[in-house]
Structure formats: structure tokens, C-alpha cells
């Protein structure tokens, strides 16, 4: 079995170089795209995520090998297997990403990536410290069970993450229509990071936007509704520990205070914003209230 490198580690110098290039371009075109404190927070969270990944790598790889040792098929290292693995891994990423916005336990880790009110290449590096705790790795386990070798799946997953780096920018407008029809782009991903009601919980794609089109979660970026970035209730702080753990603290408080076992469970697995007394807003209630105010119906996607 080949010993494949981690493509993300190899790409780190390019990430840093491109961030510096974008910072220079942003300084020329508009300083609002970069804020020093926000950028430092993103880079620090990215470093912490790398350390957390190293600490949990053994357990994740061990589970990958266990599932592969119980595989249904023997899939070789051939060209078609690489292509199929990449496509199925991206579908697994879509399933993870959609769940990360619809299940509060997963959201507690993923919210870190959305916590910046700026949208630039440094935002791509703002990653979770608690991915292992939230069980994000379970979405790839079926690939090992099917028979894709762990090294192949992990390599494809790394290429997927590298692709997603460049779409975190406002410097690129829209791509050609044929490209935007199939691939995830900066325009599509700006929608995903936006807090505008029409954009909430949309465009979960990693590489291929076709998943969103197939499963009804696609929304096109509009010039008359420019994206506003962040989360519904912004942190208001650059504190690293608060950014990394604030949603876990919120879950713990809600579970402690919630009446009844059922409500305690729902505070962990219901969508973010759910509350047993209806006193909070979820993405659905925000969007429904916004839709009720529209005089012109939303066009079908």
C-alpha cells in the first residue's frame, strides 16, 4: 500500500503566500476586507486546529483501518478508483457539512469556521479544535467499509480541503456559467458564509455544487443582496478560547437548565437556535419571517 503524503501540509506555504498576496490587493482596493485582529484570530485558530488534528490522528486512522479491514470490496489503486473515491468523498463532505448546520452537536465544532465577520483567504484557515469531539470523522467511515484504502480516502480528502481554500475570497466575482453549474466557486461559497435570511443554510458543497442542486440547498448569489458575513449572533470578541468553545458552553448550559430528558436531548441534536419554549430564532424562523415581508415571491432555483 503506497505511503501518500498529506497534501494539506504540502500546500501550507502556498496558503500563506496567497493570503499575503490577497492582503496586499485588499490594501489597494479596500482595507475593510482584512482586519488585523480578525486575521490573527483566524490564523491562530488554524494553528490550534492543526495541533488538535495531530493529537486525534491516531484514533481516526485506527478507526479507518478497522472499517477497511471489514471492507465489502477490494478496491485497487487504479485511475477509476481515484476518481470515484474523490467524488464519493465530496458527497460525504456534503453530508457532513449539511449536518454541521442542522445538528447542534456538529455545529458546536463547525461554528468556528463561520465566526468571522470578514470573508477572505485567512477565513479558510479558521478551523475547529473539536472536530474529533463532535464525531465529524464518521461521515467518511462508509468509504472505508466499501473498500477504498484509507490512504486513498485521506489523500482525496486533503485535495478537497485544498480546493476549498481559494473559494474564500471576495476578490473573484463570478466564474463562467458552465463552471458555476458544476463546481463550487467563490460566489457560491460567499452565499454559504452569509447571514442574510435568503442565504442561511445554503450551498454546502465542498468541490461540486451539483450536490446542492440535486438536494435542494442551492441559492445563487444576488447583486441586490450582498452577503453579510458571520453568525446570527456574532461573538463580539477575538478571544481564542471563546471562539473555539462558546457553542459547547451554550449546549452545556441549555442541557443543564432544560426541563425533561427529551428537551435536554433536543438541545444537542436539534438545529441551532431551537428552544423548548420557542423563544429563540433558528434559520427557519428567520427565513420565514423574512419571506413574510417580501412583496415579490422568491424565484425558483
Foldseek 3Di string as FASTA:
>chain_A
DDDDDQVLVVCVVVLVVVQVVVCVVCVVVPNVQDDVLLLVLLQVLLVLQVVLCVVCVVVLVVLLVVLLVQAPDADDPDDVLLVVLLVVLQVLQLVLLLQCQFFLLNVQFVQQLQQDQHFALSSLSRGASCNVVSVSSPSCSVVSNNHDHPVSNSNSVSVLSVVQSQLRHPPDDDDDPVCVQWFDHVQQVLLDQAPPLVSDSAQSGRTTSVVRVVPVRGDGHDPVQGGGGRYPDHPPDSDNVCSRRVSVVVLVVLLVPDPDPVQNVCSRTGGPQDHPVNPTDGSVNSNVVVQVPDPDHDDDD
